[in-house]
């Protein structure tokens, strides 16, 4: 398939198609761009949708790169002025267009190739420079992506690389562009300069009274007193008013009885995992599970350390296999499931079954809600008292 692509790319139709592809990637063909990130889709390229999650992840990564260059995190206004949002949308649109073309040509990546990419990634290397499963899990968790998402992204990246190399691999850089790049990188300048300060410049003579009077006359507007006014400001908002409200226990109890059907906590489980990249390790955990050996003992016996995934509801777990396995186990139980680099052992160390929230646990939230409800009513009344005289005054003038 790649040989066919290379032959096609060298033909006139292939060159024309490559030109159209470059123009498309430069910004055309991106339809239905949504400026509000409340929607799940921020842009569409052909049949491929760019989701708000993809945009926000790449946007944050780009902000981090800018922060490393300027020494601080840029504000939203600075990011817009630097063109960060449009740059992220452009990169995502470019990748989406290449992904569609790769799919049309049936390009793919084997599992062996994905394994090589995974093990050669320096971000996942341990102290000895080799692939470290624990580091791999930590990096993915901090990045907010699952193992399956990582593999899918790497597979698409490899497909795009195959496509670009097939279509443009033989393209020669123009001589003019090559010279410009070499000059930008290799040119040097020798600069002579002097520093001007009070040590090497004679102090000017003091102005005379006539010179001062003449200067003041010519610049009278610069020395006028600026009008100032003293202003008293009252912070008026429902939140400010709510802080002064006191809700009695009877009202809280009545509200609890009215809404307690909706006050239900979801079940949570404290989960940890160990990546078993070695087949012998996986077999040792399988044998230990059959023999009734505890998870902690198996971890200690095999010289491993468990990665804490946190206390989560099933809805908070993006990895469906992990969620199903964790929420089917009893407390202190563990299961062995498939992972990216082999098997992994999932252990549930604690279970909070959730259920009905008690009045004591819900009391503070209910009190805040009732106080805010009262404050909103009072806020509307005060606002009317302020706006009505202002409207009468405006009508008078």
Protein backbone atom coordinates (compact mmCIF):
# COMPACT_ATOMS: atom_id res chain seq x y z
CA UNK A 1 0.00 0.00 0.00
CA UNK A 2 2.82 2.47 0.85
CA UNK A 3 4.62 1.66 -2.43
CA UNK A 4 1.40 2.44 -4.30
CA UNK A 5 1.11 5.73 -2.42
CA UNK A 6 4.70 6.67 -3.31
CA UNK A 7 4.11 5.91 -7.01
CA UNK A 8 0.86 7.87 -6.94
CA UNK A 9 2.53 10.83 -5.17
CA UNK A 10 5.15 11.11 -7.95
CA UNK A 11 2.48 11.34 -10.66
CA UNK A 12 0.88 14.64 -11.72
CA UNK A 13 -2.52 13.73 -10.17
CA UNK A 14 -0.72 12.83 -6.95
CA UNK A 15 1.16 16.15 -6.89
CA UNK A 16 -2.06 18.06 -7.50
CA UNK A 17 -3.78 16.11 -4.71
CA UNK A 18 -0.85 16.82 -2.38
CA UNK A 19 -1.16 20.52 -3.16
CA UNK A 20 -4.86 20.49 -2.33
CA UNK A 21 -4.07 18.62 0.89
CA UNK A 22 -1.55 21.28 1.92
CA UNK A 23 -4.07 24.04 1.23
CA UNK A 24 -6.71 22.18 3.19
CA UNK A 25 -4.38 21.74 6.13
CA UNK A 26 -3.57 25.43 6.05
CA UNK A 27 -7.06 26.17 7.29
CA UNK A 28 -9.71 25.48 4.64
CA UNK A 29 -12.40 22.84 5.03
CA UNK A 30 -12.82 23.36 8.77
CA UNK A 31 -16.56 23.76 9.20
CA UNK A 32 -18.88 24.54 12.08
CA UNK A 33 -16.27 25.96 14.48
CA UNK A 34 -18.04 26.50 17.80
CA UNK A 35 -16.67 29.31 19.94
CA UNK A 36 -18.41 28.03 23.07
CA UNK A 37 -16.70 25.07 24.70
CA UNK A 38 -19.98 24.06 26.32
CA UNK A 39 -20.59 21.84 23.27
CA UNK A 40 -18.83 18.52 22.94
CA UNK A 41 -17.65 19.42 19.41
CA UNK A 42 -15.50 22.49 18.72
CA UNK A 43 -14.75 21.82 15.03
CA UNK A 44 -15.43 19.33 12.26
CA UNK A 45 -13.07 18.34 9.43
CA UNK A 46 -14.95 16.24 6.91
CA UNK A 47 -16.47 13.37 8.89
CA UNK A 48 -14.09 13.74 11.84
CA UNK A 49 -15.18 15.74 14.90
CA UNK A 50 -12.70 17.54 17.15
CA UNK A 51 -14.08 17.26 20.67
CA UNK A 52 -13.79 19.84 23.43
CA UNK A 53 -11.79 17.32 25.46
CA UNK A 54 -9.19 17.00 22.65
CA UNK A 55 -9.01 20.77 22.32
CA UNK A 56 -8.67 21.46 26.07
CA UNK A 57 -5.97 18.78 26.49
CA UNK A 58 -3.85 20.14 23.61
CA UNK A 59 -4.59 23.75 24.65
CA UNK A 60 -3.26 23.08 28.17
CA UNK A 61 -0.18 21.32 26.77
CA UNK A 62 0.53 24.32 24.53
CA UNK A 63 0.09 26.72 27.49
CA UNK A 64 2.61 24.64 29.46
CA UNK A 65 5.12 24.93 26.61
CA UNK A 66 4.63 28.72 26.50
CA UNK A 67 5.02 28.87 30.30
CA UNK A 68 8.37 27.05 30.05
CA UNK A 69 9.55 29.72 27.59
CA UNK A 70 8.37 32.87 29.42
CA UNK A 71 8.75 31.58 32.98
CA UNK A 72 5.08 31.83 34.00
CA UNK A 73 1.64 30.62 32.95
CA UNK A 74 0.11 33.07 30.43
CA UNK A 75 -3.33 34.55 31.08
CA UNK A 76 -6.28 33.80 28.80
CA UNK A 77 -5.90 37.21 27.09
CA UNK A 78 -2.18 36.61 26.52
CA UNK A 79 -2.89 33.14 25.11
CA UNK A 80 -5.36 34.64 22.61
CA UNK A 81 -2.91 37.39 21.61
CA UNK A 82 -0.22 34.74 21.02
CA UNK A 83 -2.62 32.79 18.81
CA UNK A 84 -2.60 29.68 21.01
CA UNK A 85 -6.30 28.68 20.48
CA UNK A 86 -6.09 29.04 16.67
CA UNK A 87 -2.75 27.19 16.64
CA UNK A 88 -4.27 24.27 18.59
CA UNK A 89 -7.35 24.15 16.32
CA UNK A 90 -5.07 24.24 13.25
CA UNK A 91 -2.94 21.34 14.52
CA UNK A 92 -6.00 19.25 15.42
CA UNK A 93 -7.60 19.99 12.04
CA UNK A 94 -4.39 19.00 10.25
CA UNK A 95 -4.24 15.70 12.15
CA UNK A 96 -7.93 15.03 11.49
CA UNK A 97 -7.47 15.54 7.74
CA UNK A 98 -4.46 13.21 7.67
CA UNK A 99 -6.35 10.62 9.76
CA UNK A 100 -9.18 10.58 7.22
CA UNK A 101 -6.79 10.14 4.33
CA UNK A 102 -4.90 7.37 6.17
CA UNK A 103 -8.19 5.56 6.85
CA UNK A 104 -9.20 5.88 3.20
CA UNK A 105 -5.96 4.18 2.14
CA UNK A 106 -6.34 1.50 4.80
CA UNK A 107 -3.10 2.34 6.65
CA UNK A 108 -2.56 0.68 10.03
CA UNK A 109 -0.01 0.03 12.77
CA UNK A 110 0.83 -3.43 14.10
CA UNK A 111 0.91 -4.27 17.80
CA UNK A 112 4.65 -4.96 17.54
CA UNK A 113 5.21 -1.46 16.18
CA UNK A 114 3.10 0.06 18.97
CA UNK A 115 5.11 -1.90 21.52
CA UNK A 116 8.35 -0.50 20.06
CA UNK A 117 6.99 3.06 20.20
CA UNK A 118 5.92 2.56 23.82
CA UNK A 119 9.26 1.14 24.98
CA UNK A 120 11.33 3.78 23.15
CA UNK A 121 9.43 6.75 24.61
CA UNK A 122 11.90 8.49 26.98
CA UNK A 123 9.01 9.81 29.09
CA UNK A 124 8.44 6.27 30.39
CA UNK A 125 12.08 5.39 31.16
CA UNK A 126 13.19 4.41 34.65
CA UNK A 127 16.49 5.20 36.38
CA UNK A 128 18.35 2.68 34.17
CA UNK A 129 16.96 4.13 30.94
CA UNK A 130 14.65 1.19 30.24
CA UNK A 131 10.86 1.17 30.00
CA UNK A 132 9.36 1.36 33.51
CA UNK A 133 5.68 0.30 33.89
CA UNK A 134 5.23 2.33 37.08
CA UNK A 135 6.53 5.50 35.42
CA UNK A 136 4.26 4.78 32.44
CA UNK A 137 1.17 4.57 34.69
CA UNK A 138 2.16 7.70 36.65
CA UNK A 139 2.70 9.79 33.49
CA UNK A 140 -0.64 8.72 32.00
CA UNK A 141 -2.48 9.45 35.26
CA UNK A 142 -0.96 12.93 35.53
CA UNK A 143 -1.78 13.61 31.87
CA UNK A 144 -5.42 12.58 32.36
CA UNK A 145 -5.49 9.90 29.66
CA UNK A 146 -6.03 6.15 29.78
CA UNK A 147 -3.83 3.42 28.35
CA UNK A 148 -6.25 2.81 25.50
CA UNK A 149 -6.33 6.52 24.62
CA UNK A 150 -2.53 6.67 24.61
CA UNK A 151 -2.25 3.68 22.27
CA UNK A 152 -4.94 5.07 19.96
CA UNK A 153 -3.15 8.45 19.76
CA UNK A 154 0.21 6.79 19.03
CA UNK A 155 -1.35 4.56 16.35
CA UNK A 156 -2.88 7.58 14.60
CA UNK A 157 0.43 9.47 14.85
CA UNK A 158 2.28 6.54 13.23
CA UNK A 159 -0.33 6.34 10.45
CA UNK A 160 0.03 10.08 9.75
CA UNK A 161 3.81 9.69 9.60
CA UNK A 162 3.49 6.86 7.06
CA UNK A 163 1.16 8.98 4.92
CA UNK A 164 3.29 12.14 4.99
CA UNK A 165 6.52 10.25 4.23
CA UNK A 166 4.81 8.42 1.36
CA UNK A 167 3.45 11.59 -0.24
CA UNK A 168 6.23 14.07 0.51
CA UNK A 169 9.26 11.96 1.49
CA UNK A 170 11.09 12.70 -1.77
CA UNK A 171 10.31 16.43 -1.70
CA UNK A 172 13.50 18.55 -1.77
CA UNK A 173 13.74 21.76 0.26
CA UNK A 174 14.12 24.76 -2.13
CA UNK A 175 17.63 26.21 -2.21
CA UNK A 176 16.41 29.67 -1.17
CA UNK A 177 14.64 28.23 1.89
CA UNK A 178 17.73 26.17 2.77
CA UNK A 179 19.94 29.27 2.63
CA UNK A 180 17.54 31.26 4.80
CA UNK A 181 17.46 28.51 7.43
CA UNK A 182 21.25 28.14 7.41
CA UNK A 183 21.71 31.90 7.76
CA UNK A 184 19.20 32.06 10.61
CA UNK A 185 21.02 29.28 12.47
CA UNK A 186 24.64 30.04 11.57
CA UNK A 187 24.95 33.82 11.12
CA UNK A 188 26.87 35.70 13.83
CA UNK A 189 27.26 39.41 14.53
CA UNK A 190 30.00 41.33 16.34
CA UNK A 191 28.47 44.27 18.21
CA UNK A 192 30.25 47.27 19.67
CA UNK A 193 28.27 49.33 22.18
CA UNK A 194 28.69 51.84 24.97
CA UNK A 195 26.62 52.31 28.11
CA UNK A 196 25.33 55.82 28.75
CA UNK A 197 24.85 56.71 32.41
CA UNK A 198 25.57 59.46 34.92
CA UNK A 199 29.26 58.50 35.16
CA UNK A 200 30.18 59.27 31.53
CA UNK A 201 27.76 62.12 30.70
CA UNK A 202 28.20 65.62 32.10
CA UNK A 203 25.28 66.82 34.20
CA UNK A 204 23.23 69.55 32.44
CA UNK A 205 23.34 73.00 34.03
CA UNK A 206 20.50 73.96 36.40
CA UNK A 207 17.72 75.88 34.60
CA UNK A 208 17.25 79.58 35.35
CA UNK A 209 14.02 81.07 36.72
CA UNK A 210 13.19 82.51 33.27
CA UNK A 211 13.65 79.09 31.64
CA UNK A 212 11.42 77.44 34.23
CA UNK A 213 8.71 80.09 33.75
CA UNK A 214 8.85 79.69 29.98
CA UNK A 215 8.63 75.90 30.20
CA UNK A 216 5.64 76.08 32.55
CA UNK A 217 3.88 78.45 30.17
CA UNK A 218 4.40 76.09 27.22
CA UNK A 219 3.34 72.99 29.20
CA UNK A 220 0.61 74.42 31.42
CA UNK A 221 -1.76 71.52 30.73
CA UNK A 222 0.75 69.03 32.16
CA UNK A 223 0.65 70.70 35.58
CA UNK A 224 -3.07 71.04 36.20
CA UNK A 225 -4.56 69.33 39.24
CA UNK A 226 -6.53 66.23 38.27
CA UNK A 227 -10.09 66.09 39.59
CA UNK A 228 -10.60 63.38 42.19
CA UNK A 229 -13.70 62.03 43.90
CA UNK A 230 -14.22 59.90 47.00
CA UNK A 231 -16.50 56.96 46.31
CA UNK A 232 -18.07 54.54 48.77
CA UNK A 233 -18.80 51.10 47.34
CA UNK A 234 -21.11 48.50 48.83
CA UNK A 235 -20.49 44.94 47.73
CA UNK A 236 -23.97 43.73 46.77
CA UNK A 237 -24.48 40.18 45.56
CA UNK A 238 -26.51 37.14 46.66
CA UNK A 239 -23.35 35.45 47.97
CA UNK A 240 -22.43 38.45 50.14
CA UNK A 241 -25.97 38.69 51.53
CA UNK A 242 -26.13 34.92 52.12
CA UNK A 243 -23.09 35.09 54.43
CA UNK A 244 -25.13 37.21 56.89
CA UNK A 245 -28.09 34.81 57.01
CA UNK A 246 -28.73 32.40 59.88
CA UNK A 247 -30.96 29.41 59.13
CA UNK A 248 -32.62 27.65 62.08
CA UNK A 249 -32.53 23.88 62.54
CA UNK A 250 -36.26 23.48 61.96
CA UNK A 251 -36.02 24.93 58.45
CA UNK A 252 -33.01 22.75 57.70
CA UNK A 253 -34.84 19.61 58.89
CA UNK A 254 -37.91 20.47 56.80
CA UNK A 255 -35.79 21.02 53.68
CA UNK A 256 -33.95 17.75 54.32
CA UNK A 257 -37.23 15.81 54.51
CA UNK A 258 -38.41 17.47 51.31
CA UNK A 259 -35.24 16.69 49.31
CA UNK A 260 -33.74 13.63 50.96
CA UNK A 261 -34.75 11.38 48.07
CA UNK A 262 -32.14 13.16 45.94
CA UNK A 263 -29.45 13.21 48.64
CA UNK A 264 -27.77 9.94 47.74
CA UNK A 265 -24.01 9.38 47.68
CA UNK A 266 -22.66 7.09 44.93
CA UNK A 267 -20.57 4.07 45.89
CA UNK A 268 -16.81 4.70 45.85
CA UNK A 269 -13.86 2.33 45.92
CA UNK A 270 -10.21 2.90 46.79
CA UNK A 271 -8.23 1.27 43.97
CA UNK A 272 -4.57 0.48 43.40
CA UNK A 273 -2.84 -1.49 40.68
CA UNK A 274 0.41 -3.24 39.81
CA UNK A 275 1.54 -3.64 36.18
CA UNK A 276 2.68 -7.22 35.47
CA UNK A 277 4.81 -6.91 32.34
CA UNK A 278 6.54 -10.24 32.96
CA UNK A 279 4.60 -13.43 32.22
CA UNK A 280 6.14 -15.04 35.31
CA UNK A 281 4.83 -12.21 37.50
CA UNK A 282 1.37 -12.59 36.05
CA UNK A 283 1.47 -16.34 36.72
CA UNK A 284 2.70 -15.73 40.29
CA UNK A 285 -0.29 -13.46 40.98
CA UNK A 286 -2.66 -15.96 39.37
CA UNK A 287 -1.27 -18.77 41.56
CA UNK A 288 -1.37 -16.52 44.64
CA UNK A 289 -5.00 -15.63 43.99
CA UNK A 290 -5.92 -19.33 43.78
CA UNK A 291 -3.94 -20.07 46.96
CA UNK A 292 -5.65 -17.22 48.85
CA UNK A 293 -2.52 -15.07 49.26
CA UNK A 294 -3.34 -11.41 49.91
CA UNK A 295 -2.55 -8.72 47.36
CA UNK A 296 -0.13 -6.89 49.69
CA UNK A 297 1.81 -10.12 50.36
CA UNK A 298 2.11 -10.85 46.64
CA UNK A 299 3.35 -7.30 46.00
CA UNK A 300 5.97 -7.63 48.76
CA UNK A 301 7.09 -11.13 47.76
CA UNK A 302 7.70 -10.04 44.16
CA UNK A 303 9.48 -6.80 45.06
CA UNK A 304 6.85 -4.54 43.47
CA UNK A 305 5.13 -1.32 44.49
CA UNK A 306 1.45 -0.59 43.91
CA UNK A 307 0.24 2.57 42.16
CA UNK A 308 -2.62 4.35 43.97
CA UNK A 309 -5.42 5.30 41.56
CA UNK A 310 -7.50 7.03 44.25
CA UNK A 311 -10.99 6.73 45.71
CA UNK A 312 -13.35 6.84 42.73
CA UNK A 313 -16.92 6.22 41.64
CA UNK A 314 -17.37 3.97 38.63
CA UNK A 315 -18.43 6.98 36.55
CA UNK A 316 -15.07 8.65 37.27
CA UNK A 317 -13.09 5.76 35.73
CA UNK A 318 -12.48 6.25 32.00
CA UNK A 319 -11.08 2.74 31.50
CA UNK A 320 -14.14 0.49 31.17
CA UNK A 321 -12.19 -2.73 31.86
CA UNK A 322 -10.71 -1.23 35.03
CA UNK A 323 -14.10 0.07 36.22
CA UNK A 324 -15.92 -3.21 35.63
CA UNK A 325 -13.20 -5.22 37.36
CA UNK A 326 -12.87 -2.90 40.38
CA UNK A 327 -16.60 -2.65 41.04
CA UNK A 328 -17.12 -6.41 40.82
CA UNK A 329 -14.59 -7.16 43.60
CA UNK A 330 -15.21 -7.46 47.34
CA UNK A 331 -13.21 -5.31 49.76
CA UNK A 332 -9.51 -6.38 49.82
CA UNK A 333 -10.10 -8.46 46.70
CA UNK A 334 -8.03 -8.26 43.55
CA UNK A 335 -8.31 -9.31 39.92
CA UNK A 336 -5.90 -9.67 37.02
CA UNK A 337 -6.88 -7.94 33.77
CA UNK A 338 -5.21 -6.96 30.50
CA UNK A 339 -3.09 -3.81 30.28
CA UNK A 340 -1.00 -1.97 27.68
CA UNK A 341 2.33 -3.64 28.46
CA UNK A 342 0.95 -6.99 29.65
CA UNK A 343 -1.25 -7.96 32.56
CA UNK A 344 -2.09 -5.81 35.59
CA UNK A 345 -3.44 -6.65 39.05
CA UNK A 346 -6.30 -4.45 40.32
CA UNK A 347 -6.85 -4.30 44.11
CA UNK A 348 -9.77 -2.73 46.02
CA UNK A 349 -8.53 -1.73 49.47
CA UNK A 350 -11.70 -0.01 50.73
CA UNK A 351 -15.36 0.32 49.76
CA UNK A 352 -17.80 3.09 50.67
CA UNK A 353 -21.21 1.80 49.66
CA UNK A 354 -22.70 5.31 49.63
CA UNK A 355 -26.47 5.46 49.99
CA UNK A 356 -28.72 7.95 51.76
CA UNK A 357 -26.97 11.07 53.08
CA UNK A 358 -27.73 11.71 56.74
CA UNK A 359 -29.15 15.00 58.03
CA UNK A 360 -25.90 15.68 59.88
CA UNK A 361 -23.80 15.28 56.71
CA UNK A 362 -26.19 17.35 54.59
CA UNK A 363 -26.86 20.06 57.18
CA UNK A 364 -24.16 22.53 56.05
CA UNK A 365 -25.07 22.29 52.36
CA UNK A 366 -28.79 22.69 53.07
CA UNK A 367 -28.15 25.73 55.30
CA UNK A 368 -26.06 27.36 52.56
CA UNK A 369 -28.75 26.65 49.95
CA UNK A 370 -31.55 28.13 52.09
CA UNK A 371 -29.42 31.18 52.94
CA UNK A 372 -28.70 31.76 49.26
CA UNK A 373 -32.40 31.44 48.38
CA UNK A 374 -33.28 34.11 50.97
CA UNK A 375 -30.41 36.30 49.80
CA UNK A 376 -31.59 36.18 46.17
CA UNK A 377 -35.04 37.43 47.19
CA UNK A 378 -33.54 40.22 49.30
CA UNK A 379 -31.11 41.10 46.50
CA UNK A 380 -33.98 41.59 44.05
CA UNK A 381 -35.80 43.87 46.54
CA UNK A 382 -32.70 46.01 47.20
CA UNK A 383 -31.97 46.26 43.48
CA UNK A 384 -35.49 47.58 42.86
CA UNK A 385 -35.02 50.18 45.62
CA UNK A 386 -31.81 51.39 43.96
CA UNK A 387 -32.98 51.34 40.34
CA UNK A 388 -36.38 52.99 40.87
CA UNK A 389 -35.04 56.38 42.13
CA UNK A 390 -32.36 56.31 39.41
CA UNK A 391 -35.02 55.81 36.72
CA UNK A 392 -37.10 58.70 38.13
CA UNK A 393 -34.03 60.95 38.16
CA UNK A 394 -33.23 60.04 34.54
CA UNK A 395 -36.80 60.75 33.47
CA UNK A 396 -36.63 64.16 35.23
CA UNK A 397 -33.49 65.19 33.37
